[in-house]
Amino acid sequence: MIANFSIKRLVPAVICILIVALSVSAANAQDRRGQVTNLPLPRYVSMKAAEGNVRRGPSLTHRIDWVFKRRGMPLQITAEYGNWRKVQDRDGAGGWVHYALLSGVRTVLIEPDLLPIYATPDPNSQVNAHFESGVVARLGSCTIDWCRISAGGYRGWTLKANLWGVEQSEVRE
């Protein structure tokens, strides 16, 4: 029976198995969930505390590498372990932070300098304000291209591409 076995018949089956495995792997990478919260990873949160220790590992025994010192700063959670969340900032700096220092309130960082904030999601509408680079703004609703933000008593719309702390494909109501 082994003599009648044909490699030519096996190749299409192996290719199909590989395509299915790669498809499942890609879907799992897009739908990755935290082991603790079952929330999507990566996801954005903000600093609840005015100061938060960033540790090398997920426990109090791990060394503190630095301290985040900006309440409301948007952070991206990339991993979970018990009560600890692995986070990174806009520059990719990060480490492990206790979950109690984080908030689900969404904020964003303004990327360009003197960003116009429009009254409506239309670049021809009235400009309500200009935000400087590095301003932390509260995130409101988002369409596919625009987000409503507020900071310093001013609010309005800007293109999503001008913000760090929101996925380009994310839509919020």
N, C-alpha and C. Protein backbone atom coordinates (compact mmCIF):
# COMPACT_ATOMS: atom_id res chain seq x y z
N MET A 1 0.80 -1.19 0.00
CA MET A 1 0.00 0.00 0.00
C MET A 1 0.85 1.26 0.00
N ILE A 2 1.97 1.24 0.66
CA ILE A 2 2.83 2.41 0.70
C ILE A 2 3.35 2.73 -0.70
N ALA A 3 3.55 1.74 -1.51
CA ALA A 3 4.04 1.96 -2.86
C ALA A 3 3.03 2.76 -3.69
N ASN A 4 1.73 2.60 -3.43
CA ASN A 4 0.71 3.33 -4.18
C ASN A 4 0.50 4.76 -3.68
N PHE A 5 1.09 5.09 -2.55
CA PHE A 5 0.93 6.43 -1.96
C PHE A 5 1.59 7.47 -2.85
N SER A 6 0.91 8.57 -3.11
CA SER A 6 1.44 9.59 -3.99
C SER A 6 1.64 10.91 -3.24
N ILE A 7 2.84 11.44 -3.36
CA ILE A 7 3.14 12.75 -2.76
C ILE A 7 2.29 13.82 -3.42
N LYS A 8 2.02 13.67 -4.72
CA LYS A 8 1.23 14.67 -5.45
C LYS A 8 -0.16 14.83 -4.84
N ARG A 9 -0.73 13.75 -4.29
CA ARG A 9 -2.05 13.84 -3.66
C ARG A 9 -1.97 14.51 -2.29
N LEU A 10 -0.86 14.38 -1.64
CA LEU A 10 -0.69 14.91 -0.30
C LEU A 10 -0.47 16.43 -0.30
N VAL A 11 0.20 16.96 -1.29
CA VAL A 11 0.55 18.38 -1.33
C VAL A 11 -0.69 19.29 -1.24
N PRO A 12 -1.75 19.10 -2.02
CA PRO A 12 -2.92 19.99 -1.88
C PRO A 12 -3.54 19.94 -0.49
N ALA A 13 -3.57 18.76 0.12
CA ALA A 13 -4.14 18.64 1.46
C ALA A 13 -3.29 19.40 2.48
N VAL A 14 -1.98 19.30 2.38
CA VAL A 14 -1.09 20.02 3.29
C VAL A 14 -1.23 21.53 3.10
N ILE A 15 -1.34 21.97 1.87
CA ILE A 15 -1.52 23.40 1.60
C ILE A 15 -2.83 23.89 2.22
N CYS A 16 -3.90 23.13 2.08
CA CYS A 16 -5.18 23.52 2.68
C CYS A 16 -5.08 23.62 4.19
N ILE A 17 -4.42 22.66 4.81
CA ILE A 17 -4.24 22.66 6.27
C ILE A 17 -3.44 23.90 6.69
N LEU A 18 -2.39 24.22 5.95
CA LEU A 18 -1.58 25.40 6.29
C LEU A 18 -2.39 26.69 6.13
N ILE A 19 -3.21 26.80 5.10
CA ILE A 19 -4.02 28.00 4.89
C ILE A 19 -5.01 28.16 6.04
N VAL A 20 -5.67 27.08 6.45
CA VAL A 20 -6.62 27.14 7.56
C VAL A 20 -5.90 27.53 8.84
N ALA A 21 -4.74 26.94 9.10
CA ALA A 21 -3.98 27.26 10.32
C ALA A 21 -3.56 28.72 10.33
N LEU A 22 -3.10 29.25 9.20
CA LEU A 22 -2.70 30.66 9.13
C LEU A 22 -3.91 31.58 9.31
N SER A 23 -5.06 31.21 8.76
CA SER A 23 -6.27 32.01 8.92
C SER A 23 -6.70 32.07 10.37
N VAL A 24 -6.68 30.92 11.05
CA VAL A 24 -7.06 30.87 12.47
C VAL A 24 -6.07 31.69 13.29
N SER A 25 -4.78 31.57 12.96
CA SER A 25 -3.76 32.33 13.68
C SER A 25 -3.95 33.83 13.51
N ALA A 26 -4.25 34.28 12.30
CA ALA A 26 -4.47 35.70 12.05
C ALA A 26 -5.71 36.20 12.78
N ALA A 27 -6.77 35.39 12.77
CA ALA A 27 -7.99 35.79 13.48
C ALA A 27 -7.73 35.87 14.98
N ASN A 28 -6.98 34.92 15.53
CA ASN A 28 -6.66 34.95 16.96
C ASN A 28 -5.80 36.15 17.31
N ALA A 29 -4.90 36.55 16.44
CA ALA A 29 -4.06 37.72 16.71
C ALA A 29 -4.90 38.98 16.75
N GLN A 30 -5.93 39.07 15.89
CA GLN A 30 -6.80 40.23 15.87
C GLN A 30 -7.75 40.23 17.05
N ASP A 31 -8.17 39.06 17.52
CA ASP A 31 -9.14 38.94 18.59
C ASP A 31 -8.48 38.55 19.91
N ARG A 32 -7.24 38.94 20.11
CA ARG A 32 -6.53 38.56 21.32
C ARG A 32 -7.22 39.18 22.52
N ARG A 33 -7.37 38.41 23.57
CA ARG A 33 -8.05 38.86 24.78
C ARG A 33 -7.14 38.67 25.99
N GLY A 34 -7.32 39.55 26.98
CA GLY A 34 -6.55 39.44 28.21
C GLY A 34 -6.98 38.21 28.99
N GLN A 35 -6.02 37.52 29.58
CA GLN A 35 -6.30 36.30 30.34
C GLN A 35 -7.09 36.60 31.61
N VAL A 36 -6.95 37.79 32.16
CA VAL A 36 -7.59 38.15 33.41
C VAL A 36 -8.96 38.79 33.16
N THR A 37 -9.02 39.81 32.31
CA THR A 37 -10.25 40.59 32.12
C THR A 37 -11.09 40.12 30.94
N ASN A 38 -10.50 39.36 30.04
CA ASN A 38 -11.14 38.96 28.79
C ASN A 38 -11.46 40.16 27.91
N LEU A 39 -10.80 41.29 28.15
CA LEU A 39 -10.96 42.47 27.30
C LEU A 39 -9.93 42.41 26.17
N PRO A 40 -10.18 43.12 25.08
CA PRO A 40 -9.26 43.06 23.93
C PRO A 40 -7.86 43.56 24.28
N LEU A 41 -6.88 42.95 23.65
CA LEU A 41 -5.48 43.39 23.75
C LEU A 41 -4.97 43.59 22.34
N PRO A 42 -4.26 44.66 22.07
CA PRO A 42 -4.02 45.79 22.98
C PRO A 42 -5.27 46.66 23.08
N ARG A 43 -5.34 47.48 24.14
CA ARG A 43 -6.43 48.43 24.33
C ARG A 43 -5.87 49.65 25.04
N TYR A 44 -6.62 50.75 24.98
CA TYR A 44 -6.17 51.99 25.58
C TYR A 44 -6.91 52.28 26.88
N VAL A 45 -6.18 52.83 27.84
CA VAL A 45 -6.70 53.29 29.13
C VAL A 45 -6.00 54.60 29.45
N SER A 46 -6.22 55.13 30.65
CA SER A 46 -5.50 56.33 31.07
C SER A 46 -5.02 56.16 32.50
N MET A 47 -4.07 57.01 32.89
CA MET A 47 -3.57 57.00 34.27
C MET A 47 -4.61 57.63 35.18
N LYS A 48 -5.06 56.88 36.18
CA LYS A 48 -6.00 57.40 37.16
C LYS A 48 -5.27 58.24 38.20
N ALA A 49 -4.09 57.79 38.56
CA ALA A 49 -3.30 58.44 39.60
C ALA A 49 -2.43 59.54 39.01
N ALA A 50 -2.01 60.46 39.86
CA ALA A 50 -1.09 61.51 39.43
C ALA A 50 0.32 60.97 39.28
N GLU A 51 0.57 59.83 39.90
CA GLU A 51 1.89 59.22 39.87
C GLU A 51 1.74 57.71 39.92
N GLY A 52 2.51 57.00 39.10
CA GLY A 52 2.42 55.54 39.08
C GLY A 52 3.76 54.90 38.78
N ASN A 53 4.15 53.98 39.65
CA ASN A 53 5.40 53.25 39.45
C ASN A 53 5.28 52.28 38.29
N VAL A 54 6.29 52.26 37.46
CA VAL A 54 6.36 51.33 36.33
C VAL A 54 7.45 50.33 36.67
N ARG A 55 7.06 49.08 36.79
CA ARG A 55 7.98 48.04 37.25
C ARG A 55 8.44 47.15 36.11
N ARG A 56 9.56 46.49 36.37
CA ARG A 56 10.16 45.59 35.38
C ARG A 56 9.33 44.33 35.20
N GLY A 57 8.61 43.93 36.23
CA GLY A 57 7.78 42.74 36.17
C GLY A 57 6.49 42.94 36.95
N PRO A 58 5.57 41.96 36.90
CA PRO A 58 4.25 42.12 37.50
C PRO A 58 4.16 41.76 38.99
N SER A 59 4.92 42.46 39.83
CA SER A 59 4.78 42.30 41.29
C SER A 59 5.53 43.42 41.98
N LEU A 60 5.24 43.60 43.26
CA LEU A 60 5.90 44.64 44.05
C LEU A 60 7.38 44.33 44.29
N THR A 61 7.79 43.10 44.09
CA THR A 61 9.19 42.74 44.30
C THR A 61 10.06 43.12 43.10
N HIS A 62 9.44 43.41 41.97
CA HIS A 62 10.22 43.82 40.80
C HIS A 62 10.66 45.28 40.93
N ARG A 63 11.80 45.53 40.37
CA ARG A 63 12.40 46.87 40.42
C ARG A 63 11.54 47.91 39.69
N ILE A 64 11.50 49.11 40.23
CA ILE A 64 10.82 50.24 39.58
C ILE A 64 11.78 50.82 38.55
N ASP A 65 11.37 50.81 37.29
CA ASP A 65 12.22 51.37 36.24
C ASP A 65 12.04 52.87 36.11
N TRP A 66 10.81 53.37 36.25
CA TRP A 66 10.53 54.80 36.24
C TRP A 66 9.14 55.03 36.78
N VAL A 67 8.73 56.30 36.79
CA VAL A 67 7.43 56.69 37.35
C VAL A 67 6.70 57.55 36.31
N PHE A 68 5.46 57.15 35.99
CA PHE A 68 4.61 58.00 35.17
C PHE A 68 4.07 59.09 36.09
N LYS A 69 4.17 60.35 35.67
CA LYS A 69 3.76 61.46 36.52
C LYS A 69 2.76 62.39 35.84
N ARG A 70 1.79 61.81 35.17
CA ARG A 70 0.81 62.66 34.48
C ARG A 70 -0.57 62.01 34.54
N ARG A 71 -1.42 62.55 35.41
CA ARG A 71 -2.79 62.04 35.51
C ARG A 71 -3.48 62.20 34.16
N GLY A 72 -4.23 61.17 33.76
CA GLY A 72 -4.98 61.22 32.51
C GLY A 72 -4.18 60.81 31.29
N MET A 73 -2.89 60.56 31.43
CA MET A 73 -2.08 60.21 30.27
C MET A 73 -2.59 58.91 29.64
N PRO A 74 -2.80 58.90 28.32
CA PRO A 74 -3.23 57.66 27.68
C PRO A 74 -2.10 56.64 27.64
N LEU A 75 -2.46 55.39 27.89
CA LEU A 75 -1.52 54.28 27.85
C LEU A 75 -2.16 53.12 27.10
N GLN A 76 -1.34 52.30 26.52
CA GLN A 76 -1.83 51.13 25.81
C GLN A 76 -1.49 49.88 26.63
N ILE A 77 -2.50 49.10 26.97
CA ILE A 77 -2.27 47.83 27.67
C ILE A 77 -1.96 46.78 26.63
N THR A 78 -0.84 46.07 26.84
CA THR A 78 -0.43 45.03 25.89
C THR A 78 -0.46 43.63 26.49
N ALA A 79 -0.54 43.54 27.84
CA ALA A 79 -0.58 42.22 28.49
C ALA A 79 -1.19 42.37 29.88
N GLU A 80 -1.64 41.24 30.44
CA GLU A 80 -2.22 41.20 31.78
C GLU A 80 -1.61 40.04 32.54
N TYR A 81 -1.44 40.25 33.86
CA TYR A 81 -1.01 39.16 34.73
C TYR A 81 -1.54 39.48 36.13
N GLY A 82 -2.54 38.74 36.57
CA GLY A 82 -3.14 39.02 37.88
C GLY A 82 -3.66 40.44 37.94
N ASN A 83 -3.23 41.19 38.96
CA ASN A 83 -3.65 42.59 39.13
C ASN A 83 -2.73 43.56 38.41
N TRP A 84 -1.90 43.08 37.53
CA TRP A 84 -0.91 43.92 36.85
C TRP A 84 -1.22 44.01 35.36
N ARG A 85 -0.91 45.18 34.80
CA ARG A 85 -1.11 45.41 33.37
C ARG A 85 0.20 45.92 32.78
N LYS A 86 0.61 45.32 31.69
CA LYS A 86 1.80 45.79 30.98
C LYS A 86 1.34 46.90 30.05
N VAL A 87 1.93 48.09 30.23
CA VAL A 87 1.49 49.26 29.47
C VAL A 87 2.67 49.90 28.74
N GLN A 88 2.32 50.69 27.75
CA GLN A 88 3.34 51.51 27.09
C GLN A 88 2.72 52.84 26.71
N ASP A 89 3.57 53.86 26.66
CA ASP A 89 3.11 55.19 26.28
C ASP A 89 3.35 55.42 24.80
N ARG A 90 3.11 56.63 24.35
CA ARG A 90 3.25 56.98 22.93
C ARG A 90 4.64 56.66 22.39
N ASP A 91 5.66 56.81 23.23
CA ASP A 91 7.04 56.58 22.79
C ASP A 91 7.46 55.12 22.90
N GLY A 92 6.56 54.27 23.36
CA GLY A 92 6.88 52.85 23.51
C GLY A 92 7.51 52.51 24.84
N ALA A 93 7.69 53.51 25.71
CA ALA A 93 8.24 53.26 27.05
C ALA A 93 7.14 52.67 27.92
N GLY A 94 7.49 51.74 28.74
CA GLY A 94 6.49 51.16 29.61
C GLY A 94 7.03 50.05 30.48
N GLY A 95 6.12 49.31 31.03
CA GLY A 95 6.42 48.23 31.94
C GLY A 95 5.12 47.81 32.62
N TRP A 96 5.25 47.25 33.83
CA TRP A 96 4.10 46.73 34.55
C TRP A 96 3.59 47.73 35.58
N VAL A 97 2.27 47.96 35.57
CA VAL A 97 1.61 48.91 36.46
C VAL A 97 0.45 48.19 37.13
N HIS A 98 0.23 48.46 38.43
CA HIS A 98 -0.91 47.87 39.13
C HIS A 98 -2.20 48.43 38.53
N TYR A 99 -3.19 47.56 38.37
CA TYR A 99 -4.43 47.97 37.70
C TYR A 99 -5.15 49.10 38.42
N ALA A 100 -4.97 49.25 39.73
CA ALA A 100 -5.65 50.30 40.49
C ALA A 100 -5.19 51.70 40.08
N LEU A 101 -4.05 51.81 39.41
CA LEU A 101 -3.54 53.10 38.97
C LEU A 101 -4.09 53.51 37.61
N LEU A 102 -4.88 52.63 37.00
CA LEU A 102 -5.39 52.86 35.65
C LEU A 102 -6.89 53.10 35.65
N SER A 103 -7.35 53.83 34.64
CA SER A 103 -8.77 54.14 34.50
C SER A 103 -9.22 53.77 33.10
N GLY A 104 -10.48 53.39 32.99
CA GLY A 104 -11.07 53.11 31.69
C GLY A 104 -11.47 54.37 30.94
N VAL A 105 -11.34 55.53 31.59
CA VAL A 105 -11.66 56.80 30.93
C VAL A 105 -10.67 56.99 29.79
N ARG A 106 -11.17 57.23 28.60
CA ARG A 106 -10.31 57.32 27.43
C ARG A 106 -9.82 58.75 27.22
N THR A 107 -8.53 58.86 27.05
CA THR A 107 -7.89 60.12 26.72
C THR A 107 -6.98 59.90 25.52
N VAL A 108 -6.55 60.99 24.91
CA VAL A 108 -5.64 60.93 23.77
C VAL A 108 -4.59 62.02 23.92
N LEU A 109 -3.46 61.83 23.26
CA LEU A 109 -2.44 62.86 23.18
C LEU A 109 -2.52 63.52 21.82
N ILE A 110 -2.42 64.84 21.83
CA ILE A 110 -2.40 65.59 20.58
C ILE A 110 -1.00 65.46 19.98
N GLU A 111 -0.93 65.06 18.73
CA GLU A 111 0.37 64.85 18.07
C GLU A 111 0.92 66.13 17.43
N PRO A 112 0.21 66.77 16.50
CA PRO A 112 0.79 67.96 15.85
C PRO A 112 0.67 69.21 16.72
N ASP A 113 1.50 70.18 16.45
CA ASP A 113 1.45 71.44 17.19
C ASP A 113 0.35 72.34 16.61
N LEU A 114 -0.34 73.04 17.48
CA LEU A 114 -1.43 73.96 17.12
C LEU A 114 -2.48 73.29 16.22
N LEU A 115 -3.00 72.20 16.74
CA LEU A 115 -4.01 71.43 16.03
C LEU A 115 -5.35 72.15 16.10
N PRO A 116 -5.97 72.48 14.95
CA PRO A 116 -7.30 73.12 14.99
C PRO A 116 -8.36 72.12 15.45
N ILE A 117 -9.23 72.59 16.33
CA ILE A 117 -10.37 71.80 16.82
C ILE A 117 -11.63 72.43 16.24
N TYR A 118 -12.35 71.68 15.42
CA TYR A 118 -13.48 72.20 14.66
C TYR A 118 -14.81 71.99 15.40
N ALA A 119 -15.77 72.84 15.11
CA ALA A 119 -17.10 72.75 15.72
C ALA A 119 -17.84 71.49 15.27
N THR A 120 -17.61 71.06 14.05
CA THR A 120 -18.22 69.84 13.51
C THR A 120 -17.12 69.04 12.81
N PRO A 121 -17.39 67.77 12.51
CA PRO A 121 -16.37 66.98 11.80
C PRO A 121 -16.26 67.36 10.33
N ASP A 122 -15.85 68.62 10.12
CA ASP A 122 -15.73 69.17 8.78
C ASP A 122 -14.65 70.25 8.82
N PRO A 123 -13.60 70.12 8.01
CA PRO A 123 -12.52 71.11 8.05
C PRO A 123 -12.95 72.51 7.60
N ASN A 124 -14.14 72.64 7.05
CA ASN A 124 -14.65 73.95 6.65
C ASN A 124 -15.50 74.60 7.73
N SER A 125 -15.69 73.90 8.86
CA SER A 125 -16.50 74.47 9.94
C SER A 125 -15.66 75.40 10.81
N GLN A 126 -16.33 76.06 11.74
CA GLN A 126 -15.67 77.02 12.63
C GLN A 126 -14.62 76.32 13.50
N VAL A 127 -13.49 77.00 13.72
CA VAL A 127 -12.44 76.48 14.59
C VAL A 127 -12.74 76.96 16.01
N ASN A 128 -12.94 76.01 16.94
CA ASN A 128 -13.24 76.33 18.34
C ASN A 128 -11.99 76.66 19.13
N ALA A 129 -10.87 76.01 18.79
CA ALA A 129 -9.63 76.19 19.55
C ALA A 129 -8.48 75.59 18.77
N HIS A 130 -7.28 75.82 19.25
CA HIS A 130 -6.07 75.15 18.76
C HIS A 130 -5.41 74.49 19.96
N PHE A 131 -5.08 73.20 19.85
CA PHE A 131 -4.42 72.47 20.93
C PHE A 131 -2.95 72.28 20.56
N GLU A 132 -2.09 72.46 21.54
CA GLU A 132 -0.66 72.25 21.34
C GLU A 132 -0.31 70.77 21.38
N SER A 133 0.81 70.43 20.79
CA SER A 133 1.32 69.07 20.82
C SER A 133 1.55 68.65 22.27
N GLY A 134 1.15 67.43 22.61
CA GLY A 134 1.35 66.90 23.96
C GLY A 134 0.20 67.14 24.91
N VAL A 135 -0.80 67.91 24.49
CA VAL A 135 -1.98 68.12 25.33
C VAL A 135 -2.72 66.79 25.49
N VAL A 136 -3.16 66.51 26.72
CA VAL A 136 -3.99 65.34 26.99
C VAL A 136 -5.44 65.80 26.90
N ALA A 137 -6.21 65.16 26.02
CA ALA A 137 -7.61 65.51 25.83
C ALA A 137 -8.48 64.30 26.10
N ARG A 138 -9.67 64.55 26.59
CA ARG A 138 -10.63 63.47 26.82
C ARG A 138 -11.25 63.09 25.49
N LEU A 139 -11.36 61.79 25.27
CA LEU A 139 -11.88 61.26 24.00
C LEU A 139 -13.38 61.05 24.09
N GLY A 140 -14.10 61.58 23.13
CA GLY A 140 -15.54 61.37 23.03
C GLY A 140 -15.86 60.40 21.91
N SER A 141 -16.86 60.72 21.14
CA SER A 141 -17.26 59.85 20.04
C SER A 141 -16.29 59.97 18.88
N CYS A 142 -16.23 58.90 18.09
CA CYS A 142 -15.36 58.87 16.91
C CYS A 142 -16.10 58.24 15.74
N THR A 143 -15.92 58.84 14.57
CA THR A 143 -16.36 58.22 13.33
C THR A 143 -15.13 57.50 12.77
N ILE A 144 -15.22 57.05 11.55
CA ILE A 144 -14.08 56.35 10.97
C ILE A 144 -12.88 57.29 10.80
N ASP A 145 -13.11 58.60 10.59
CA ASP A 145 -12.02 59.55 10.36
C ASP A 145 -11.86 60.61 11.43
N TRP A 146 -12.92 60.95 12.16
CA TRP A 146 -12.93 62.08 13.09
C TRP A 146 -13.21 61.63 14.53
N CYS A 147 -12.67 62.41 15.50
CA CYS A 147 -12.99 62.18 16.91
C CYS A 147 -13.36 63.49 17.58
N ARG A 148 -14.29 63.41 18.50
CA ARG A 148 -14.68 64.56 19.33
C ARG A 148 -13.82 64.49 20.58
N ILE A 149 -13.14 65.59 20.89
CA ILE A 149 -12.26 65.64 22.06
C ILE A 149 -12.54 66.91 22.86
N SER A 150 -12.06 66.91 24.11
CA SER A 150 -12.21 68.11 24.94
C SER A 150 -11.01 68.23 25.87
N ALA A 151 -10.61 69.49 26.11
CA ALA A 151 -9.52 69.79 27.04
C ALA A 151 -9.56 71.28 27.36
N GLY A 152 -9.27 71.61 28.59
CA GLY A 152 -9.18 73.01 28.99
C GLY A 152 -10.45 73.82 28.78
N GLY A 153 -11.59 73.16 28.86
CA GLY A 153 -12.85 73.86 28.65
C GLY A 153 -13.24 74.02 27.19
N TYR A 154 -12.45 73.54 26.28
CA TYR A 154 -12.75 73.60 24.85
C TYR A 154 -13.07 72.21 24.35
N ARG A 155 -13.94 72.12 23.36
CA ARG A 155 -14.25 70.83 22.76
C ARG A 155 -14.57 71.00 21.29
N GLY A 156 -14.39 69.91 20.59
CA GLY A 156 -14.67 69.94 19.16
C GLY A 156 -14.14 68.69 18.50
N TRP A 157 -14.00 68.75 17.20
CA TRP A 157 -13.64 67.60 16.37
C TRP A 157 -12.27 67.79 15.73
N THR A 158 -11.57 66.68 15.57
CA THR A 158 -10.31 66.68 14.84
C THR A 158 -10.16 65.34 14.13
N LEU A 159 -9.30 65.32 13.14
CA LEU A 159 -9.03 64.07 12.44
C LEU A 159 -8.35 63.09 13.38
N LYS A 160 -8.79 61.85 13.34
CA LYS A 160 -8.27 60.79 14.21
C LYS A 160 -6.77 60.60 14.02
N ALA A 161 -6.27 60.83 12.83
CA ALA A 161 -4.84 60.65 12.54
C ALA A 161 -3.96 61.60 13.35
N ASN A 162 -4.55 62.65 13.93
CA ASN A 162 -3.79 63.62 14.74
C ASN A 162 -3.66 63.21 16.20
N LEU A 163 -4.20 62.05 16.56
CA LEU A 163 -4.29 61.65 17.96
C LEU A 163 -3.56 60.35 18.23
N TRP A 164 -2.94 60.25 19.44
CA TRP A 164 -2.40 58.97 19.90
C TRP A 164 -3.27 58.53 21.06
N GLY A 165 -3.76 57.29 20.98
CA GLY A 165 -4.60 56.75 22.05
C GLY A 165 -5.93 56.25 21.53
N VAL A 166 -6.05 56.20 20.23
CA VAL A 166 -7.26 55.66 19.60
C VAL A 166 -6.83 54.91 18.33
N GLU A 167 -7.41 53.73 18.12
CA GLU A 167 -7.08 52.96 16.93
C GLU A 167 -7.69 53.63 15.71
N GLN A 168 -7.02 53.56 14.59
CA GLN A 168 -7.50 54.20 13.36
C GLN A 168 -8.82 53.59 12.89
N SER A 169 -9.06 52.33 13.19
CA SER A 169 -10.31 51.68 12.77
C SER A 169 -11.41 51.78 13.82
N GLU A 170 -11.11 52.39 14.97
CA GLU A 170 -12.07 52.43 16.08
C GLU A 170 -13.18 53.45 15.84
N VAL A 171 -14.42 53.02 16.10
CA VAL A 171 -15.58 53.88 16.02
C VAL A 171 -16.23 53.88 17.40
N ARG A 172 -16.49 55.09 17.95
CA ARG A 172 -17.10 55.22 19.28
C ARG A 172 -18.35 56.08 19.19
N GLU A 173 -19.35 55.71 19.98
CA GLU A 173 -20.59 56.50 19.99
C GLU A 173 -20.73 57.26 21.28
